[in-house]
Amino acid sequence: MSTTTMPGTRTLVTGGAGFIGTAVCHRLVASGCRVVVVDDASTATMSLCDETLRDVEVVQGDLVDIDLRSVLAGVDRVVHLAGRPGVQSSWGPGFTDHLRHNVQATQRLLEAALDAPVERVVVASSSSVYGNIGSGYVAETRPVSPVSPYGVTKAAVELLVQAYADRGVPAIALRFFTVYGRGQRPDMALHRIIEAGLGGPPFPRRGDGTQQRDLTHVDDVAAATLRALGADVAMGTAINVGSGRPVSLTRLTALVEEQLGAAVQISVQERAAGDPQRTAADIGLASRVLGWCPQVSLHDGIADQIAWHLGGGGGAAGRAMPAAQLGARVG
């Protein structure tokens, strides 16, 4: 069972200026933690420069280049969210970028953690490690079988977690299933569906719309991440973090249309390589070892994301955070 995050502890969040990272930082600050963020601003979606996060320390830099031992000095716990997302961008030449930011960056962080007295390292993985699951719900006991280069890099990340756990690094992995909510990346399906319903470009639906995704609200993901920081669980363990409620793209589009009161224009395209037909999480292990279960309904989660789009967050002006806003401290 997980314990509550201790007030006053110092937590490093890599990728803390991103979609999930911002939600995690808000929750950590609210729990009384001191927070340090490392982010290179390459995929940042939200600003850390708001009143709530005014006391967050920020290191702007690339995990592959910066002095991580210096960054880890005085840190009690680590949440490693930094990486390169995206199945389609991982094919061809893009694989080199995914190797650098997913595999190499994680290896450097775990290597530095060997000499740091950290209590826990929580590493973000992905449901993409499972590949095509067929029917039913996938549990952590299922062998990984990724069907995209991105999924391969996340499987490699998990193997690194296990290897360094064997050497004493207190690391575990969380397999995030499709995360949505305010701040979602503009390349993701729900973001594009909502933008299409608000008069933007048609939603480029790949395939016939029967593909199912286990959508997990960012607040639920952030809650699970904090629970994992204090969980009594064997090092090297991988844990599913999903809703356990898969929904088809066709149904998801209809739900958005219901809330917007407007039609979503669709541009039908060929099925994409590496795109699994279905993701569906068995979250029994998360319930047992983290004491966690998702709280946000799909209806409320979609409403949360629509409100963010209507407030300007989904538009071009709200997507990117200029690097200058991150600060300049390195090392």
C-alpha atoms as a PDB file:
ATOM      1  CA  MET A   1       0.000   0.000   0.000  1.00  0.00           C
ATOM      2  CA  SER A   2       1.248   3.446  -0.844  1.00  0.00           C
ATOM      3  CA  THR A   3       1.928   6.071   1.761  1.00  0.00           C
ATOM      4  CA  THR A   4       1.229   9.780   1.482  1.00  0.00           C
ATOM      5  CA  THR A   5       4.010  11.909   0.037  1.00  0.00           C
ATOM      6  CA  MET A   6       5.891  13.482   2.940  1.00  0.00           C
ATOM      7  CA  PRO A   7       5.762  17.301   3.124  1.00  0.00           C
ATOM      8  CA  GLY A   8       9.179  18.897   2.762  1.00  0.00           C
ATOM      9  CA  THR A   9      10.703  16.149   0.651  1.00  0.00           C
ATOM     10  CA  ARG A  10      12.581  17.312  -2.438  1.00  0.00           C
ATOM     11  CA  THR A  11      11.312  15.739  -5.650  1.00  0.00           C
ATOM     12  CA  LEU A  12      12.901  15.984  -9.086  1.00  0.00           C
ATOM     13  CA  VAL A  13      10.472  15.883 -12.024  1.00  0.00           C
ATOM     14  CA  THR A  14      12.057  15.419 -15.433  1.00  0.00           C
ATOM     15  CA  GLY A  15       9.808  16.692 -18.213  1.00  0.00           C
ATOM     16  CA  GLY A  16       8.019  18.749 -15.580  1.00  0.00           C
ATOM     17  CA  ALA A  17       6.967  21.463 -18.035  1.00  0.00           C
ATOM     18  CA  GLY A  18       5.077  18.978 -20.202  1.00  0.00           C
ATOM     19  CA  PHE A  19       1.495  17.760 -20.236  1.00  0.00           C
ATOM     20  CA  ILE A  20       1.728  15.129 -17.491  1.00  0.00           C
ATOM     21  CA  GLY A  21       4.642  16.833 -15.769  1.00  0.00           C
ATOM     22  CA  THR A  22       2.729  20.027 -15.048  1.00  0.00           C
ATOM     23  CA  ALA A  23      -0.115  18.067 -13.414  1.00  0.00           C
ATOM     24  CA  VAL A  24       2.391  16.106 -11.302  1.00  0.00           C
ATOM     25  CA  CYS A  25       4.166  19.306 -10.232  1.00  0.00           C
ATOM     26  CA  HIS A  26       0.908  20.936  -9.166  1.00  0.00           C
ATOM     27  CA  ARG A  27       0.027  17.909  -7.050  1.00  0.00           C
ATOM     28  CA  LEU A  28       3.478  17.702  -5.488  1.00  0.00           C
ATOM     29  CA  VAL A  29       3.445  21.380  -4.547  1.00  0.00           C
ATOM     30  CA  ALA A  30      -0.045  21.008  -3.083  1.00  0.00           C
ATOM     31  CA  SER A  31       1.210  18.118  -0.926  1.00  0.00           C
ATOM     32  CA  GLY A  32       3.981  20.281   0.534  1.00  0.00           C
ATOM     33  CA  CYS A  33       6.919  18.943  -1.482  1.00  0.00           C
ATOM     34  CA  ARG A  34       9.789  21.021  -2.768  1.00  0.00           C
ATOM     35  CA  VAL A  35      10.034  20.479  -6.517  1.00  0.00           C
ATOM     36  CA  VAL A  36      12.914  20.644  -8.979  1.00  0.00           C
ATOM     37  CA  VAL A  37      12.122  20.425 -12.707  1.00  0.00           C
ATOM     38  CA  VAL A  38      14.434  19.449 -15.557  1.00  0.00           C
ATOM     39  CA  ASP A  39      13.004  20.177 -19.008  1.00  0.00           C
ATOM     40  CA  ASP A  40      14.488  21.066 -22.394  1.00  0.00           C
ATOM     41  CA  ALA A  41      11.217  22.788 -23.472  1.00  0.00           C
ATOM     42  CA  SER A  42      11.098  20.780 -26.723  1.00  0.00           C
ATOM     43  CA  THR A  43       7.622  19.367 -26.099  1.00  0.00           C
ATOM     44  CA  ALA A  44       6.460  21.603 -23.245  1.00  0.00           C
ATOM     45  CA  THR A  45       2.721  22.249 -23.343  1.00  0.00           C
ATOM     46  CA  MET A  46       2.037  24.287 -20.231  1.00  0.00           C
ATOM     47  CA  SER A  47       3.781  27.044 -18.303  1.00  0.00           C
ATOM     48  CA  LEU A  48       5.460  26.595 -14.947  1.00  0.00           C
ATOM     49  CA  CYS A  49       5.446  30.376 -14.585  1.00  0.00           C
ATOM     50  CA  ASP A  50       2.187  30.650 -12.661  1.00  0.00           C
ATOM     51  CA  GLU A  51       1.520  31.632  -9.084  1.00  0.00           C
ATOM     52  CA  THR A  52       0.996  28.084  -7.831  1.00  0.00           C
ATOM     53  CA  LEU A  53       4.397  26.919  -9.094  1.00  0.00           C
ATOM     54  CA  ARG A  54       6.372  30.079  -8.321  1.00  0.00           C
ATOM     55  CA  ASP A  55       8.738  28.260  -5.917  1.00  0.00           C
ATOM     56  CA  VAL A  56       9.604  25.398  -8.289  1.00  0.00           C
ATOM     57  CA  GLU A  57      13.315  25.237  -9.130  1.00  0.00           C
ATOM     58  CA  VAL A  58      13.924  24.832 -12.849  1.00  0.00           C
ATOM     59  CA  VAL A  59      16.866  23.347 -14.719  1.00  0.00           C
ATOM     60  CA  GLN A  60      16.666  23.945 -18.448  1.00  0.00           C
ATOM     61  CA  GLY A  61      18.609  21.317 -20.348  1.00  0.00           C
ATOM     62  CA  ASP A  62      18.794  17.951 -22.050  1.00  0.00           C
ATOM     63  CA  LEU A  63      19.135  14.899 -19.784  1.00  0.00           C
ATOM     64  CA  VAL A  64      21.719  13.464 -22.169  1.00  0.00           C
ATOM     65  CA  ASP A  65      23.991  16.487 -21.741  1.00  0.00           C
ATOM     66  CA  ILE A  66      23.599  18.022 -18.283  1.00  0.00           C
ATOM     67  CA  ASP A  67      25.406  17.084 -15.061  1.00  0.00           C
ATOM     68  CA  LEU A  68      22.794  14.800 -13.507  1.00  0.00           C
ATOM     69  CA  ARG A  69      24.792  14.038 -10.377  1.00  0.00           C
ATOM     70  CA  SER A  70      24.701  17.731  -9.566  1.00  0.00           C
ATOM     71  CA  VAL A  71      20.981  17.885 -10.273  1.00  0.00           C
ATOM     72  CA  LEU A  72      20.310  14.880  -8.020  1.00  0.00           C
ATOM     73  CA  ALA A  73      22.237  16.353  -5.089  1.00  0.00           C
ATOM     74  CA  GLY A  74      19.791  16.790  -2.219  1.00  0.00           C
ATOM     75  CA  VAL A  75      16.913  15.133  -4.097  1.00  0.00           C
ATOM     76  CA  ASP A  76      14.829  12.580  -2.168  1.00  0.00           C
ATOM     77  CA  ARG A  77      12.638  11.231  -4.966  1.00  0.00           C
ATOM     78  CA  VAL A  78      12.552  11.304  -8.758  1.00  0.00           C
ATOM     79  CA  VAL A  79       9.679  11.263 -11.242  1.00  0.00           C
ATOM     80  CA  HIS A  80      11.107  10.623 -14.707  1.00  0.00           C
ATOM     81  CA  LEU A  81       8.586  11.790 -17.306  1.00  0.00           C
ATOM     82  CA  ALA A  82      10.956  13.288 -19.882  1.00  0.00           C
ATOM     83  CA  GLY A  83      11.139  11.526 -23.217  1.00  0.00           C
ATOM     84  CA  ARG A  84      10.117  11.631 -26.837  1.00  0.00           C
ATOM     85  CA  PRO A  85       6.465  10.638 -27.359  1.00  0.00           C
ATOM     86  CA  GLY A  86       4.732   9.555 -30.543  1.00  0.00           C
ATOM     87  CA  VAL A  87       4.378   6.278 -32.415  1.00  0.00           C
ATOM     88  CA  GLN A  88       4.432   7.729 -35.931  1.00  0.00           C
ATOM     89  CA  SER A  89       7.451   9.958 -35.365  1.00  0.00           C
ATOM     90  CA  SER A  90       9.490   6.946 -34.236  1.00  0.00           C
ATOM     91  CA  TRP A  91       9.629   5.313 -37.681  1.00  0.00           C
ATOM     92  CA  GLY A  92      12.539   5.947 -40.033  1.00  0.00           C
ATOM     93  CA  PRO A  93      15.070   8.655 -39.103  1.00  0.00           C
ATOM     94  CA  GLY A  94      12.962   9.669 -36.102  1.00  0.00           C
ATOM     95  CA  PHE A  95      14.039   6.523 -34.265  1.00  0.00           C
ATOM     96  CA  THR A  96      17.414   8.112 -33.496  1.00  0.00           C
ATOM     97  CA  ASP A  97      15.661  10.913 -31.617  1.00  0.00           C
ATOM     98  CA  HIS A  98      13.550   8.425 -29.657  1.00  0.00           C
ATOM     99  CA  LEU A  99      16.623   6.405 -28.743  1.00  0.00           C
ATOM    100  CA  ARG A 100      18.349   9.521 -27.430  1.00  0.00           C
ATOM    101  CA  HIS A 101      15.496  10.963 -25.412  1.00  0.00           C
ATOM    102  CA  ASN A 102      13.905   7.721 -24.184  1.00  0.00           C
ATOM    103  CA  VAL A 103      16.662   5.147 -23.821  1.00  0.00           C
ATOM    104  CA  GLN A 104      19.897   7.108 -23.485  1.00  0.00           C
ATOM    105  CA  ALA A 105      18.410   9.787 -21.225  1.00  0.00           C
ATOM    106  CA  THR A 106      16.894   7.169 -18.919  1.00  0.00           C
ATOM    107  CA  GLN A 107      20.168   5.251 -18.727  1.00  0.00           C
ATOM    108  CA  ARG A 108      22.068   8.419 -17.764  1.00  0.00           C
ATOM    109  CA  LEU A 109      19.531   9.284 -15.071  1.00  0.00           C
ATOM    110  CA  LEU A 110      19.571   5.782 -13.565  1.00  0.00           C
ATOM    111  CA  GLU A 111      23.365   5.694 -13.718  1.00  0.00           C
ATOM    112  CA  ALA A 112      23.527   8.963 -11.799  1.00  0.00           C
ATOM    113  CA  ALA A 113      21.018   7.585  -9.285  1.00  0.00           C
ATOM    114  CA  LEU A 114      23.484   4.812  -8.381  1.00  0.00           C
ATOM    115  CA  ASP A 115      25.479   7.353  -6.385  1.00  0.00           C
ATOM    116  CA  ALA A 116      22.552   9.419  -5.121  1.00  0.00           C
ATOM    117  CA  PRO A 117      20.671   8.620  -1.887  1.00  0.00           C
ATOM    118  CA  VAL A 118      17.252   8.773  -3.564  1.00  0.00           C
ATOM    119  CA  GLU A 119      14.391   6.887  -1.945  1.00  0.00           C
ATOM    120  CA  ARG A 120      12.447   6.188  -5.134  1.00  0.00           C
ATOM    121  CA  VAL A 121      12.642   6.677  -8.897  1.00  0.00           C
ATOM    122  CA  VAL A 122       9.322   6.443 -10.759  1.00  0.00           C
ATOM    123  CA  VAL A 123       9.844   6.062 -14.513  1.00  0.00           C
ATOM    124  CA  ALA A 124       7.160   6.668 -17.138  1.00  0.00           C
ATOM    125  CA  SER A 125       6.551   3.788 -19.523  1.00  0.00           C
ATOM    126  CA  SER A 126       3.664   3.202 -21.903  1.00  0.00           C
ATOM    127  CA  SER A 127       0.936   0.784 -22.892  1.00  0.00           C
ATOM    128  CA  SER A 128       2.744   0.709 -26.243  1.00  0.00           C
ATOM    129  CA  VAL A 129       5.024  -1.990 -24.821  1.00  0.00           C
ATOM    130  CA  TYR A 130       2.123  -4.470 -25.118  1.00  0.00           C
ATOM    131  CA  GLY A 131       1.485  -4.100 -28.841  1.00  0.00           C
ATOM    132  CA  ASN A 132      -1.685  -5.800 -30.107  1.00  0.00           C
ATOM    133  CA  ILE A 133      -3.554  -7.316 -27.159  1.00  0.00           C
ATOM    134  CA  GLY A 134      -6.689  -8.702 -28.802  1.00  0.00           C
ATOM    135  CA  SER A 135      -9.730  -8.975 -26.538  1.00  0.00           C
ATOM    136  CA  GLY A 136      -9.850  -8.691 -22.765  1.00  0.00           C
ATOM    137  CA  TYR A 137      -7.703  -6.596 -20.455  1.00  0.00           C
ATOM    138  CA  VAL A 138      -3.944  -6.750 -20.363  1.00  0.00           C
ATOM    139  CA  ALA A 139      -2.117  -7.361 -17.082  1.00  0.00           C
ATOM    140  CA  GLU A 140       1.535  -6.786 -16.260  1.00  0.00           C
ATOM    141  CA  THR A 141       2.225 -10.528 -16.437  1.00  0.00           C
ATOM    142  CA  ARG A 142       1.728 -10.445 -20.213  1.00  0.00           C
ATOM    143  CA  PRO A 143       5.046 -10.452 -22.119  1.00  0.00           C
ATOM    144  CA  VAL A 144       5.766  -7.188 -23.886  1.00  0.00           C
ATOM    145  CA  SER A 145       5.491  -7.233 -27.678  1.00  0.00           C
ATOM    146  CA  PRO A 146       5.685  -3.684 -29.082  1.00  0.00           C
ATOM    147  CA  VAL A 147       4.647  -3.047 -32.685  1.00  0.00           C
ATOM    148  CA  SER A 148       6.340   0.334 -33.145  1.00  0.00           C
ATOM    149  CA  PRO A 149       9.866   1.678 -32.655  1.00  0.00           C
ATOM    150  CA  TYR A 150       8.452   3.972 -29.939  1.00  0.00           C
ATOM    151  CA  GLY A 151       7.115   0.937 -28.083  1.00  0.00           C
ATOM    152  CA  VAL A 152      10.512  -0.730 -28.454  1.00  0.00           C
ATOM    153  CA  THR A 153      12.211   2.232 -26.772  1.00  0.00           C
ATOM    154  CA  LYS A 154       9.745   2.104 -23.876  1.00  0.00           C
ATOM    155  CA  ALA A 155      10.330  -1.638 -23.472  1.00  0.00           C
ATOM    156  CA  ALA A 156      14.061  -0.856 -23.378  1.00  0.00           C
ATOM    157  CA  VAL A 157      13.400   1.780 -20.700  1.00  0.00           C
ATOM    158  CA  GLU A 158      11.691  -0.862 -18.563  1.00  0.00           C
ATOM    159  CA  LEU A 159      14.621  -3.244 -19.011  1.00  0.00           C
ATOM    160  CA  LEU A 160      16.924  -0.468 -17.830  1.00  0.00           C
ATOM    161  CA  VAL A 161      14.718   0.025 -14.770  1.00  0.00           C
ATOM    162  CA  GLN A 162      15.039  -3.680 -13.975  1.00  0.00           C
ATOM    163  CA  ALA A 163      18.803  -3.714 -14.578  1.00  0.00           C
ATOM    164  CA  TYR A 164      19.458  -0.738 -12.328  1.00  0.00           C
ATOM    165  CA  ALA A 165      17.018  -1.997  -9.709  1.00  0.00           C
ATOM    166  CA  ASP A 166      19.197  -5.129  -9.520  1.00  0.00           C
ATOM    167  CA  ARG A 167      22.117  -2.814  -8.744  1.00  0.00           C
ATOM    168  CA  GLY A 168      20.222  -1.076  -5.956  1.00  0.00           C
ATOM    169  CA  VAL A 169      18.450   1.855  -7.613  1.00  0.00           C
ATOM    170  CA  PRO A 170      14.943   1.972  -6.069  1.00  0.00           C
ATOM    171  CA  ALA A 171      13.215   2.323  -9.449  1.00  0.00           C
ATOM    172  CA  ILE A 172       9.813   1.201 -10.698  1.00  0.00           C
ATOM    173  CA  ALA A 173       7.943   1.845 -13.961  1.00  0.00           C
ATOM    174  CA  LEU A 174       4.386   3.021 -14.598  1.00  0.00           C
ATOM    175  CA  ARG A 175       2.783   1.981 -17.880  1.00  0.00           C
ATOM    176  CA  PHE A 176       0.581   4.926 -18.806  1.00  0.00           C
ATOM    177  CA  PHE A 177      -2.388   4.236 -21.058  1.00  0.00           C
ATOM    178  CA  THR A 178      -3.559   7.057 -23.374  1.00  0.00           C
ATOM    179  CA  VAL A 179      -3.513  10.192 -21.217  1.00  0.00           C
ATOM    180  CA  TYR A 180      -5.943  13.041 -21.900  1.00  0.00           C
ATOM    181  CA  GLY A 181      -7.267  16.200 -20.275  1.00  0.00           C
ATOM    182  CA  ARG A 182      -6.232  19.855 -20.203  1.00  0.00           C
ATOM    183  CA  GLY A 183      -2.863  20.388 -21.821  1.00  0.00           C
ATOM    184  CA  GLN A 184      -2.973  17.290 -24.030  1.00  0.00           C
ATOM    185  CA  ARG A 185      -0.453  17.295 -26.863  1.00  0.00           C
ATOM    186  CA  PRO A 186      -1.805  18.596 -30.190  1.00  0.00           C
ATOM    187  CA  ASP A 187      -0.813  15.425 -32.062  1.00  0.00           C
ATOM    188  CA  MET A 188      -3.138  13.226 -29.982  1.00  0.00           C
ATOM    189  CA  ALA A 189      -6.549  12.075 -31.175  1.00  0.00           C
ATOM    190  CA  LEU A 190      -8.837  13.711 -28.616  1.00  0.00           C
ATOM    191  CA  HIS A 191      -7.076  17.050 -29.034  1.00  0.00           C
ATOM    192  CA  ARG A 192      -7.660  16.879 -32.792  1.00  0.00           C
ATOM    193  CA  ILE A 193     -11.271  15.730 -32.383  1.00  0.00           C
ATOM    194  CA  ILE A 194     -12.087  18.674 -30.123  1.00  0.00           C
ATOM    195  CA  GLU A 195     -10.304  21.161 -32.379  1.00  0.00           C
ATOM    196  CA  ALA A 196     -12.264  19.809 -35.359  1.00  0.00           C
ATOM    197  CA  GLY A 197     -15.511  20.265 -33.429  1.00  0.00           C
ATOM    198  CA  LEU A 198     -14.526  23.850 -32.672  1.00  0.00           C
ATOM    199  CA  GLY A 199     -14.128  24.670 -36.348  1.00  0.00           C
ATOM    200  CA  GLY A 200     -10.519  23.652 -36.832  1.00  0.00           C
ATOM    201  CA  PRO A 201      -9.134  21.232 -39.423  1.00  0.00           C
ATOM    202  CA  PRO A 202     -11.048  17.944 -39.871  1.00  0.00           C
ATOM    203  CA  PHE A 203      -9.992  15.129 -37.560  1.00  0.00           C
ATOM    204  CA  PRO A 204      -7.574  12.882 -39.506  1.00  0.00           C
ATOM    205  CA  ARG A 205      -9.018   9.549 -38.415  1.00  0.00           C
ATOM    206  CA  ARG A 206      -6.765   6.662 -39.373  1.00  0.00           C
ATOM    207  CA  GLY A 207      -8.879   3.617 -40.131  1.00  0.00           C
ATOM    208  CA  ASP A 208     -12.567   2.923 -39.630  1.00  0.00           C
ATOM    209  CA  GLY A 209     -12.902   4.318 -36.101  1.00  0.00           C
ATOM    210  CA  THR A 210     -13.355   0.946 -34.378  1.00  0.00           C
ATOM    211  CA  GLN A 211      -9.944   1.244 -32.705  1.00  0.00           C
ATOM    212  CA  GLN A 212     -10.340   1.343 -28.938  1.00  0.00           C
ATOM    213  CA  ARG A 213      -8.227   3.288 -26.468  1.00  0.00           C
ATOM    214  CA  ASP A 214      -8.064   3.109 -22.687  1.00  0.00           C
ATOM    215  CA  LEU A 215      -8.263   6.835 -21.907  1.00  0.00           C
ATOM    216  CA  THR A 216      -6.789   7.931 -18.576  1.00  0.00           C
ATOM    217  CA  HIS A 217      -7.304  11.451 -17.278  1.00  0.00           C
ATOM    218  CA  VAL A 218      -4.143  13.383 -16.451  1.00  0.00           C
ATOM    219  CA  ASP A 219      -5.317  13.998 -12.875  1.00  0.00           C
ATOM    220  CA  ASP A 220      -5.645  10.255 -12.320  1.00  0.00           C
ATOM    221  CA  VAL A 221      -2.181   9.705 -13.804  1.00  0.00           C
ATOM    222  CA  ALA A 222      -0.711  12.371 -11.530  1.00  0.00           C
ATOM    223  CA  ALA A 223      -2.397  10.810  -8.493  1.00  0.00           C
ATOM    224  CA  ALA A 224      -1.032   7.355  -9.359  1.00  0.00           C
ATOM    225  CA  THR A 225       2.444   8.813  -9.826  1.00  0.00           C
ATOM    226  CA  LEU A 226       2.458  10.357  -6.366  1.00  0.00           C
ATOM    227  CA  ARG A 227       1.169   7.126  -4.838  1.00  0.00           C
ATOM    228  CA  ALA A 228       4.028   5.294  -6.554  1.00  0.00           C
ATOM    229  CA  LEU A 229       6.576   7.555  -4.842  1.00  0.00           C
ATOM    230  CA  GLY A 230       5.737   5.947  -1.511  1.00  0.00           C
ATOM    231  CA  ALA A 231       4.483   2.514  -2.543  1.00  0.00           C
ATOM    232  CA  ASP A 232       5.721  -0.631  -0.837  1.00  0.00           C
ATOM    233  CA  VAL A 233       6.515  -2.482  -4.043  1.00  0.00           C
ATOM    234  CA  ALA A 234       9.445  -4.545  -5.315  1.00  0.00           C
ATOM    235  CA  MET A 235      11.993  -2.527  -7.212  1.00  0.00           C
ATOM    236  CA  GLY A 236      11.940  -3.099 -10.963  1.00  0.00           C
ATOM    237  CA  THR A 237       8.168  -3.634 -10.990  1.00  0.00           C
ATOM    238  CA  ALA A 238       6.050  -2.285 -13.868  1.00  0.00           C
ATOM    239  CA  ILE A 239       2.482  -1.193 -13.070  1.00  0.00           C
ATOM    240  CA  ASN A 240      -0.425  -0.375 -15.402  1.00  0.00           C
ATOM    241  CA  VAL A 241      -2.002   3.053 -14.966  1.00  0.00           C
ATOM    242  CA  GLY A 242      -5.208   3.148 -16.999  1.00  0.00           C
ATOM    243  CA  SER A 243      -8.935   3.604 -16.630  1.00  0.00           C
ATOM    244  CA  GLY A 244      -9.945   0.060 -17.523  1.00  0.00           C
ATOM    245  CA  ARG A 245     -12.681   1.547 -19.739  1.00  0.00           C
ATOM    246  CA  PRO A 246     -11.657   1.355 -23.426  1.00  0.00           C
ATOM    247  CA  VAL A 247     -13.656   3.464 -25.879  1.00  0.00           C
ATOM    248  CA  SER A 248     -13.683   3.451 -29.687  1.00  0.00           C
ATOM    249  CA  LEU A 249     -12.666   6.493 -31.708  1.00  0.00           C
ATOM    250  CA  THR A 250     -16.175   6.583 -33.176  1.00  0.00           C
ATOM    251  CA  ARG A 251     -17.742   6.679 -29.721  1.00  0.00           C
ATOM    252  CA  LEU A 252     -15.194   9.226 -28.488  1.00  0.00           C
ATOM    253  CA  THR A 253     -16.030  11.495 -31.410  1.00  0.00           C
ATOM    254  CA  ALA A 254     -19.749  11.185 -30.629  1.00  0.00           C
ATOM    255  CA  LEU A 255     -19.152  12.083 -26.980  1.00  0.00           C
ATOM    256  CA  VAL A 256     -17.283  15.229 -28.005  1.00  0.00           C
ATOM    257  CA  GLU A 257     -20.075  16.171 -30.408  1.00  0.00           C
ATOM    258  CA  GLU A 258     -22.632  15.759 -27.614  1.00  0.00           C
ATOM    259  CA  GLN A 259     -20.748  18.112 -25.308  1.00  0.00           C
ATOM    260  CA  LEU A 260     -19.939  20.686 -27.984  1.00  0.00           C
ATOM    261  CA  GLY A 261     -23.334  20.549 -29.637  1.00  0.00           C
ATOM    262  CA  ALA A 262     -21.520  20.570 -32.976  1.00  0.00           C
ATOM    263  CA  ALA A 263     -20.428  18.065 -35.580  1.00  0.00           C
ATOM    264  CA  VAL A 264     -16.819  16.919 -35.828  1.00  0.00           C
ATOM    265  CA  GLN A 265     -15.608  16.907 -39.416  1.00  0.00           C
ATOM    266  CA  ILE A 266     -13.570  13.795 -40.226  1.00  0.00           C
ATOM    267  CA  SER A 267     -10.926  13.111 -42.842  1.00  0.00           C
ATOM    268  CA  VAL A 268     -10.617   9.334 -43.239  1.00  0.00           C
ATOM    269  CA  GLN A 269      -7.060   8.131 -43.784  1.00  0.00           C
ATOM    270  CA  GLU A 270      -5.275   4.808 -44.064  1.00  0.00           C
ATOM    271  CA  ARG A 271      -4.565   2.861 -40.913  1.00  0.00           C
ATOM    272  CA  ALA A 272      -1.208   3.909 -39.464  1.00  0.00           C
ATOM    273  CA  ALA A 273       1.706   1.528 -38.987  1.00  0.00           C
ATOM    274  CA  GLY A 274       2.253   0.497 -35.367  1.00  0.00           C
ATOM    275  CA  ASP A 275      -1.251   1.550 -34.319  1.00  0.00           C
ATOM    276  CA  PRO A 276      -2.751  -1.209 -32.119  1.00  0.00           C
ATOM    277  CA  GLN A 277      -6.425  -2.014 -32.567  1.00  0.00           C
ATOM    278  CA  ARG A 278      -7.151  -1.931 -28.852  1.00  0.00           C
ATOM    279  CA  THR A 279      -5.659  -0.932 -25.518  1.00  0.00           C
ATOM    280  CA  ALA A 280      -7.324  -1.961 -22.265  1.00  0.00           C
ATOM    281  CA  ALA A 281      -5.663  -1.968 -18.859  1.00  0.00           C
ATOM    282  CA  ASP A 282      -6.091  -4.472 -16.072  1.00  0.00           C
ATOM    283  CA  ILE A 283      -5.522  -2.140 -13.111  1.00  0.00           C
ATOM    284  CA  GLY A 284      -5.708  -4.748 -10.360  1.00  0.00           C
ATOM    285  CA  LEU A 285      -2.022  -4.423  -9.475  1.00  0.00           C
ATOM    286  CA  ALA A 286      -2.249  -0.635  -9.183  1.00  0.00           C
ATOM    287  CA  SER A 287      -5.220  -1.050  -6.867  1.00  0.00           C
ATOM    288  CA  ARG A 288      -3.363  -3.531  -4.663  1.00  0.00           C
ATOM    289  CA  VAL A 289       0.098  -1.995  -4.431  1.00  0.00           C
ATOM    290  CA  LEU A 290      -0.644   1.709  -4.918  1.00  0.00           C
ATOM    291  CA  GLY A 291      -4.064   1.855  -3.301  1.00  0.00           C
ATOM    292  CA  TRP A 292      -5.127   3.720  -6.429  1.00  0.00           C
ATOM    293  CA  CYS A 293      -8.048   3.638  -8.824  1.00  0.00           C
ATOM    294  CA  PRO A 294      -9.154   6.220 -11.420  1.00  0.00           C
ATOM    295  CA  GLN A 295     -11.598   8.863 -10.210  1.00  0.00           C
ATOM    296  CA  VAL A 296     -12.366  10.996 -13.281  1.00  0.00           C
ATOM    297  CA  SER A 297     -15.227   9.818 -15.490  1.00  0.00           C
ATOM    298  CA  LEU A 298     -14.828  10.018 -19.247  1.00  0.00           C
ATOM    299  CA  HIS A 299     -17.645  12.585 -19.438  1.00  0.00           C
ATOM    300  CA  ASP A 300     -16.010  14.863 -16.875  1.00  0.00           C
ATOM    301  CA  GLY A 301     -12.574  14.359 -18.370  1.00  0.00           C
ATOM    302  CA  ILE A 302     -13.733  15.355 -21.851  1.00  0.00           C
ATOM    303  CA  ALA A 303     -15.468  18.401 -20.345  1.00  0.00           C
ATOM    304  CA  ASP A 304     -12.195  19.357 -18.643  1.00  0.00           C
ATOM    305  CA  GLN A 305     -10.281  19.174 -21.897  1.00  0.00           C
ATOM    306  CA  ILE A 306     -12.957  21.041 -23.873  1.00  0.00           C
ATOM    307  CA  ALA A 307     -12.865  23.851 -21.284  1.00  0.00           C
ATOM    308  CA  TRP A 308      -9.101  24.104 -21.777  1.00  0.00           C
ATOM    309  CA  HIS A 309      -9.516  24.333 -25.555  1.00  0.00           C
ATOM    310  CA  LEU A 310     -12.244  26.970 -25.207  1.00  0.00           C
ATOM    311  CA  GLY A 311      -9.966  28.948 -22.910  1.00  0.00           C
ATOM    312  CA  GLY A 312      -7.329  29.168 -25.605  1.00  0.00           C
ATOM    313  CA  GLY A 313      -5.090  26.383 -24.352  1.00  0.00           C
ATOM    314  CA  GLY A 314      -5.696  24.205 -27.381  1.00  0.00           C
ATOM    315  CA  GLY A 315      -4.759  26.869 -29.887  1.00  0.00           C
ATOM    316  CA  ALA A 316      -1.299  27.614 -31.188  1.00  0.00           C
ATOM    317  CA  ALA A 317      -0.752  30.386 -28.649  1.00  0.00           C
ATOM    318  CA  GLY A 318      -1.403  28.075 -25.739  1.00  0.00           C
ATOM    319  CA  ARG A 319       0.478  24.965 -26.834  1.00  0.00           C
ATOM    320  CA  ALA A 320       4.099  25.850 -26.611  1.00  0.00           C
ATOM    321  CA  MET A 321       6.038  27.315 -23.732  1.00  0.00           C
ATOM    322  CA  PRO A 322       8.999  29.426 -24.900  1.00  0.00           C
ATOM    323  CA  ALA A 323      12.308  28.182 -23.605  1.00  0.00           C
ATOM    324  CA  ALA A 324      12.965  31.594 -22.063  1.00  0.00           C
ATOM    325  CA  GLN A 325      10.157  31.001 -19.559  1.00  0.00           C
ATOM    326  CA  LEU A 326      11.946  28.001 -18.117  1.00  0.00           C
ATOM    327  CA  GLY A 327      14.805  29.906 -16.498  1.00  0.00           C
ATOM    328  CA  ALA A 328      18.478  29.345 -17.042  1.00  0.00           C
ATOM    329  CA  ARG A 329      19.911  27.322 -14.161  1.00  0.00           C
ATOM    330  CA  VAL A 330      21.803  24.243 -15.331  1.00  0.00           C
ATOM    331  CA  GLY A 331      23.661  21.801 -13.088  1.00  0.00           C
END
